Amino acid sequence: MVARLHELQAKSPFRLEVVDVDSDATLATRYGERVPVLVADGEEICHYHLDPIALDAYFSRIR
């Protein structure tokens, strides 16, 4: 997921912060087995694999 997000950043810049969910007990409890997970502004966009449709929908809402 991270590699694909870096590819997308080259075309449309956005801030990306990678967080180790397993190193934070609160995040580990919140997301459990849904790792990797893509979250923006507290909203879970997708998990396991990058969902480009869900990501496009998120960007459409915030622009």
PDB file of N, CA and C in Angstrom:
ATOM      1  N   MET A   1       0.833  -1.189   0.000  1.00  0.00           N
ATOM      2  CA  MET A   1       0.000   0.000   0.000  1.00  0.00           C
ATOM      3  C   MET A   1       0.874   1.246   0.000  1.00  0.00           C
ATOM      4  N   VAL A   2       1.926   1.243   0.803  1.00  0.00           N
ATOM      5  CA  VAL A   2       2.790   2.419   0.893  1.00  0.00           C
ATOM      6  C   VAL A   2       3.455   2.704  -0.450  1.00  0.00           C
ATOM      7  N   ALA A   3       3.935   1.666  -1.110  1.00  0.00           N
ATOM      8  CA  ALA A   3       4.595   1.859  -2.407  1.00  0.00           C
ATOM      9  C   ALA A   3       3.635   2.486  -3.413  1.00  0.00           C
ATOM     10  N   ARG A   4       2.418   2.022  -3.438  1.00  0.00           N
ATOM     11  CA  ARG A   4       1.428   2.571  -4.378  1.00  0.00           C
ATOM     12  C   ARG A   4       1.095   4.016  -4.025  1.00  0.00           C
ATOM     13  N   LEU A   5       1.003   4.334  -2.740  1.00  0.00           N
ATOM     14  CA  LEU A   5       0.729   5.713  -2.321  1.00  0.00           C
ATOM     15  C   LEU A   5       1.873   6.643  -2.715  1.00  0.00           C
ATOM     16  N   HIS A   6       3.109   6.157  -2.614  1.00  0.00           N
ATOM     17  CA  HIS A   6       4.250   6.970  -3.055  1.00  0.00           C
ATOM     18  C   HIS A   6       4.162   7.237  -4.557  1.00  0.00           C
ATOM     19  N   GLU A   7       3.748   6.254  -5.336  1.00  0.00           N
ATOM     20  CA  GLU A   7       3.564   6.454  -6.772  1.00  0.00           C
ATOM     21  C   GLU A   7       2.515   7.537  -7.033  1.00  0.00           C
ATOM     22  N   LEU A   8       1.428   7.500  -6.286  1.00  0.00           N
ATOM     23  CA  LEU A   8       0.356   8.486  -6.458  1.00  0.00           C
ATOM     24  C   LEU A   8       0.808   9.883  -6.050  1.00  0.00           C
ATOM     25  N   GLN A   9       1.681   9.982  -5.044  1.00  0.00           N
ATOM     26  CA  GLN A   9       2.198  11.281  -4.600  1.00  0.00           C
ATOM     27  C   GLN A   9       2.957  11.995  -5.712  1.00  0.00           C
ATOM     28  N   ALA A  10       3.614  11.241  -6.561  1.00  0.00           N
ATOM     29  CA  ALA A  10       4.371  11.848  -7.660  1.00  0.00           C
ATOM     30  C   ALA A  10       3.453  12.575  -8.628  1.00  0.00           C
ATOM     31  N   LYS A  11       2.221  12.110  -8.762  1.00  0.00           N
ATOM     32  CA  LYS A  11       1.251  12.705  -9.686  1.00  0.00           C
ATOM     33  C   LYS A  11       0.396  13.772  -9.012  1.00  0.00           C
ATOM     34  N   SER A  12       0.077  13.549  -7.750  1.00  0.00           N
ATOM     35  CA  SER A  12      -0.794  14.458  -7.016  1.00  0.00           C
ATOM     36  C   SER A  12      -0.294  14.523  -5.573  1.00  0.00           C
ATOM     37  N   PRO A  13       0.538  15.513  -5.248  1.00  0.00           N
ATOM     38  CA  PRO A  13       1.165  15.565  -3.924  1.00  0.00           C
ATOM     39  C   PRO A  13       0.166  15.593  -2.765  1.00  0.00           C
ATOM     40  N   PHE A  14       0.465  14.814  -1.760  1.00  0.00           N
ATOM     41  CA  PHE A  14      -0.280  14.809  -0.503  1.00  0.00           C
ATOM     42  C   PHE A  14       0.681  14.349   0.582  1.00  0.00           C
ATOM     43  N   ARG A  15       0.354  14.667   1.814  1.00  0.00           N
ATOM     44  CA  ARG A  15       1.198  14.295   2.952  1.00  0.00           C
ATOM     45  C   ARG A  15       0.893  12.853   3.342  1.00  0.00           C
ATOM     46  N   LEU A  16       1.931  12.066   3.535  1.00  0.00           N
ATOM     47  CA  LEU A  16       1.780  10.668   3.925  1.00  0.00           C
ATOM     48  C   LEU A  16       2.620  10.427   5.169  1.00  0.00           C
ATOM     49  N   GLU A  17       1.999   9.912   6.200  1.00  0.00           N
ATOM     50  CA  GLU A  17       2.698   9.555   7.433  1.00  0.00           C
ATOM     51  C   GLU A  17       2.487   8.065   7.667  1.00  0.00           C
ATOM     52  N   VAL A  18       3.565   7.330   7.744  1.00  0.00           N
ATOM     53  CA  VAL A  18       3.496   5.895   7.996  1.00  0.00           C
ATOM     54  C   VAL A  18       3.641   5.676   9.500  1.00  0.00           C
ATOM     55  N   VAL A  19       2.678   4.956  10.074  1.00  0.00           N
ATOM     56  CA  VAL A  19       2.657   4.700  11.508  1.00  0.00           C
ATOM     57  C   VAL A  19       2.639   3.190  11.729  1.00  0.00           C
ATOM     58  N   ASP A  20       3.467   2.702  12.642  1.00  0.00           N
ATOM     59  CA  ASP A  20       3.478   1.281  12.988  1.00  0.00           C
ATOM     60  C   ASP A  20       2.330   1.016  13.963  1.00  0.00           C
ATOM     61  N   VAL A  21       1.237   0.514  13.442  1.00  0.00           N
ATOM     62  CA  VAL A  21       0.039   0.261  14.251  1.00  0.00           C
ATOM     63  C   VAL A  21       0.348  -0.711  15.384  1.00  0.00           C
ATOM     64  N   ASP A  22       1.153  -1.715  15.108  1.00  0.00           N
ATOM     65  CA  ASP A  22       1.437  -2.743  16.111  1.00  0.00           C
ATOM     66  C   ASP A  22       2.252  -2.218  17.290  1.00  0.00           C
ATOM     67  N   SER A  23       2.906  -1.074  17.137  1.00  0.00           N
ATOM     68  CA  SER A  23       3.705  -0.531  18.237  1.00  0.00           C
ATOM     69  C   SER A  23       2.889   0.371  19.163  1.00  0.00           C
ATOM     70  N   ASP A  24       1.629   0.576  18.847  1.00  0.00           N
ATOM     71  CA  ASP A  24       0.754   1.436  19.649  1.00  0.00           C
ATOM     72  C   ASP A  24      -0.467   0.615  20.062  1.00  0.00           C
ATOM     73  N   ALA A  25      -0.610   0.367  21.355  1.00  0.00           N
ATOM     74  CA  ALA A  25      -1.680  -0.493  21.856  1.00  0.00           C
ATOM     75  C   ALA A  25      -3.074   0.013  21.458  1.00  0.00           C
ATOM     76  N   THR A  26      -3.260   1.328  21.484  1.00  0.00           N
ATOM     77  CA  THR A  26      -4.559   1.894  21.131  1.00  0.00           C
ATOM     78  C   THR A  26      -4.882   1.637  19.661  1.00  0.00           C
ATOM     79  N   LEU A  27      -3.902   1.877  18.792  1.00  0.00           N
ATOM     80  CA  LEU A  27      -4.119   1.642  17.366  1.00  0.00           C
ATOM     81  C   LEU A  27      -4.280   0.157  17.070  1.00  0.00           C
ATOM     82  N   ALA A  28      -3.502  -0.680  17.743  1.00  0.00           N
ATOM     83  CA  ALA A  28      -3.609  -2.123  17.548  1.00  0.00           C
ATOM     84  C   ALA A  28      -5.005  -2.616  17.923  1.00  0.00           C
ATOM     85  N   THR A  29      -5.555  -2.072  18.981  1.00  0.00           N
ATOM     86  CA  THR A  29      -6.915  -2.443  19.393  1.00  0.00           C
ATOM     87  C   THR A  29      -7.942  -1.924  18.392  1.00  0.00           C
ATOM     88  N   ARG A  30      -7.775  -0.701  17.940  1.00  0.00           N
ATOM     89  CA  ARG A  30      -8.726  -0.084  17.016  1.00  0.00           C
ATOM     90  C   ARG A  30      -8.762  -0.800  15.664  1.00  0.00           C
ATOM     91  N   TYR A  31      -7.590  -1.118  15.117  1.00  0.00           N
ATOM     92  CA  TYR A  31      -7.543  -1.672  13.761  1.00  0.00           C
ATOM     93  C   TYR A  31      -7.342  -3.181  13.710  1.00  0.00           C
ATOM     94  N   GLY A  32      -6.904  -3.776  14.799  1.00  0.00           N
ATOM     95  CA  GLY A  32      -6.786  -5.224  14.885  1.00  0.00           C
ATOM     96  C   GLY A  32      -6.077  -5.832  13.696  1.00  0.00           C
ATOM     97  N   GLU A  33      -6.766  -6.717  13.005  1.00  0.00           N
ATOM     98  CA  GLU A  33      -6.203  -7.423  11.856  1.00  0.00           C
ATOM     99  C   GLU A  33      -6.323  -6.634  10.555  1.00  0.00           C
ATOM    100  N   ARG A  34      -6.943  -5.453  10.583  1.00  0.00           N
ATOM    101  CA  ARG A  34      -7.145  -4.660   9.360  1.00  0.00           C
ATOM    102  C   ARG A  34      -5.905  -3.826   9.022  1.00  0.00           C
ATOM    103  N   VAL A  35      -4.746  -4.451   9.021  1.00  0.00           N
ATOM    104  CA  VAL A  35      -3.488  -3.767   8.755  1.00  0.00           C
ATOM    105  C   VAL A  35      -2.888  -4.363   7.490  1.00  0.00           C
ATOM    106  N   PRO A  36      -2.383  -3.579   6.576  1.00  0.00           N
ATOM    107  CA  PRO A  36      -2.277  -2.126   6.644  1.00  0.00           C
ATOM    108  C   PRO A  36      -3.641  -1.464   6.486  1.00  0.00           C
ATOM    109  N   VAL A  37      -3.719  -0.288   7.044  1.00  0.00           N
ATOM    110  CA  VAL A  37      -4.954   0.490   6.987  1.00  0.00           C
ATOM    111  C   VAL A  37      -4.594   1.913   6.560  1.00  0.00           C
ATOM    112  N   LEU A  38      -5.441   2.490   5.735  1.00  0.00           N
ATOM    113  CA  LEU A  38      -5.248   3.874   5.292  1.00  0.00           C
ATOM    114  C   LEU A  38      -6.305   4.726   5.971  1.00  0.00           C
ATOM    115  N   VAL A  39      -5.838   5.700   6.751  1.00  0.00           N
ATOM    116  CA  VAL A  39      -6.723   6.571   7.528  1.00  0.00           C
ATOM    117  C   VAL A  39      -6.356   8.015   7.226  1.00  0.00           C
ATOM    118  N   ALA A  40      -7.363   8.863   7.074  1.00  0.00           N
ATOM    119  CA  ALA A  40      -7.144  10.294   6.894  1.00  0.00           C
ATOM    120  C   ALA A  40      -8.170  11.045   7.717  1.00  0.00           C
ATOM    121  N   ASP A  41      -7.704  11.977   8.510  1.00  0.00           N
ATOM    122  CA  ASP A  41      -8.594  12.781   9.362  1.00  0.00           C
ATOM    123  C   ASP A  41      -9.531  11.903  10.186  1.00  0.00           C
ATOM    124  N   GLY A  42      -9.010  10.783  10.688  1.00  0.00           N
ATOM    125  CA  GLY A  42      -9.799   9.889  11.523  1.00  0.00           C
ATOM    126  C   GLY A  42     -10.736   8.968  10.756  1.00  0.00           C
ATOM    127  N   GLU A  43     -10.779   9.091   9.456  1.00  0.00           N
ATOM    128  CA  GLU A  43     -11.663   8.272   8.615  1.00  0.00           C
ATOM    129  C   GLU A  43     -10.875   7.133   7.990  1.00  0.00           C
ATOM    130  N   GLU A  44     -11.342   5.915   8.196  1.00  0.00           N
ATOM    131  CA  GLU A  44     -10.704   4.771   7.553  1.00  0.00           C
ATOM    132  C   GLU A  44     -11.132   4.731   6.093  1.00  0.00           C
ATOM    133  N   ILE A  45     -10.158   4.838   5.209  1.00  0.00           N
ATOM    134  CA  ILE A  45     -10.437   4.855   3.775  1.00  0.00           C
ATOM    135  C   ILE A  45     -10.454   3.436   3.224  1.00  0.00           C
ATOM    136  N   CYS A  46      -9.446   2.644   3.582  1.00  0.00           N
ATOM    137  CA  CYS A  46      -9.399   1.251   3.141  1.00  0.00           C
ATOM    138  C   CYS A  46      -8.410   0.489   4.008  1.00  0.00           C
ATOM    139  N   HIS A  47      -8.438  -0.823   3.879  1.00  0.00           N
ATOM    140  CA  HIS A  47      -7.487  -1.648   4.618  1.00  0.00           C
ATOM    141  C   HIS A  47      -7.096  -2.852   3.759  1.00  0.00           C
ATOM    142  N   TYR A  48      -6.023  -3.510   4.166  1.00  0.00           N
ATOM    143  CA  TYR A  48      -5.390  -4.638   3.460  1.00  0.00           C
ATOM    144  C   TYR A  48      -4.696  -4.200   2.175  1.00  0.00           C
ATOM    145  N   HIS A  49      -5.451  -3.643   1.236  1.00  0.00           N
ATOM    146  CA  HIS A  49      -4.895  -3.203  -0.047  1.00  0.00           C
ATOM    147  C   HIS A  49      -5.427  -1.810  -0.351  1.00  0.00           C
ATOM    148  N   LEU A  50      -4.693  -1.070  -1.128  1.00  0.00           N
ATOM    149  CA  LEU A  50      -5.145   0.260  -1.524  1.00  0.00           C
ATOM    150  C   LEU A  50      -6.367   0.130  -2.424  1.00  0.00           C
ATOM    151  N   ASP A  51      -7.416   0.819  -2.058  1.00  0.00           N
ATOM    152  CA  ASP A  51      -8.646   0.853  -2.853  1.00  0.00           C
ATOM    153  C   ASP A  51      -8.674   2.216  -3.548  1.00  0.00           C
ATOM    154  N   PRO A  52      -8.286   2.268  -4.834  1.00  0.00           N
ATOM    155  CA  PRO A  52      -8.213   3.561  -5.514  1.00  0.00           C
ATOM    156  C   PRO A  52      -9.559   4.260  -5.623  1.00  0.00           C
ATOM    157  N   ILE A  53     -10.644   3.517  -5.690  1.00  0.00           N
ATOM    158  CA  ILE A  53     -11.974   4.133  -5.764  1.00  0.00           C
ATOM    159  C   ILE A  53     -12.299   4.825  -4.443  1.00  0.00           C
ATOM    160  N   ALA A  54     -12.019   4.161  -3.340  1.00  0.00           N
ATOM    161  CA  ALA A  54     -12.269   4.763  -2.025  1.00  0.00           C
ATOM    162  C   ALA A  54     -11.369   5.979  -1.806  1.00  0.00           C
ATOM    163  N   LEU A  55     -10.122   5.897  -2.266  1.00  0.00           N
ATOM    164  CA  LEU A  55      -9.204   7.027  -2.121  1.00  0.00           C
ATOM    165  C   LEU A  55      -9.663   8.207  -2.973  1.00  0.00           C
ATOM    166  N   ASP A  56     -10.083   7.950  -4.198  1.00  0.00           N
ATOM    167  CA  ASP A  56     -10.619   9.021  -5.053  1.00  0.00           C
ATOM    168  C   ASP A  56     -11.851   9.660  -4.421  1.00  0.00           C
ATOM    169  N   ALA A  57     -12.720   8.838  -3.840  1.00  0.00           N
ATOM    170  CA  ALA A  57     -13.925   9.367  -3.182  1.00  0.00           C
ATOM    171  C   ALA A  57     -13.539  10.266  -2.013  1.00  0.00           C
ATOM    172  N   TYR A  58     -12.535   9.858  -1.241  1.00  0.00           N
ATOM    173  CA  TYR A  58     -12.078  10.684  -0.128  1.00  0.00           C
ATOM    174  C   TYR A  58     -11.557  12.019  -0.636  1.00  0.00           C
ATOM    175  N   PHE A  59     -10.674  11.995  -1.649  1.00  0.00           N
ATOM    176  CA  PHE A  59     -10.127  13.230  -2.185  1.00  0.00           C
ATOM    177  C   PHE A  59     -11.233  14.121  -2.774  1.00  0.00           C
ATOM    178  N   SER A  60     -12.242  13.545  -3.357  1.00  0.00           N
ATOM    179  CA  SER A  60     -13.359  14.325  -3.907  1.00  0.00           C
ATOM    180  C   SER A  60     -14.111  15.052  -2.795  1.00  0.00           C
ATOM    181  N   ARG A  61     -14.250  14.402  -1.651  1.00  0.00           N
ATOM    182  CA  ARG A  61     -14.976  15.018  -0.525  1.00  0.00           C
ATOM    183  C   ARG A  61     -14.202  16.166   0.096  1.00  0.00           C
ATOM    184  N   ILE A  62     -12.865  16.066   0.113  1.00  0.00           N
ATOM    185  CA  ILE A  62     -12.099  17.104   0.815  1.00  0.00           C
ATOM    186  C   ILE A  62     -11.689  18.267  -0.074  1.00  0.00           C
ATOM    187  N   ARG A  63     -11.834  18.145  -1.380  1.00  0.00           N
ATOM    188  CA  ARG A  63     -11.434  19.223  -2.284  1.00  0.00           C
ATOM    189  C   ARG A  63     -12.545  20.179  -2.550  1.00  0.00           C
TER     190      ARG A  63
END
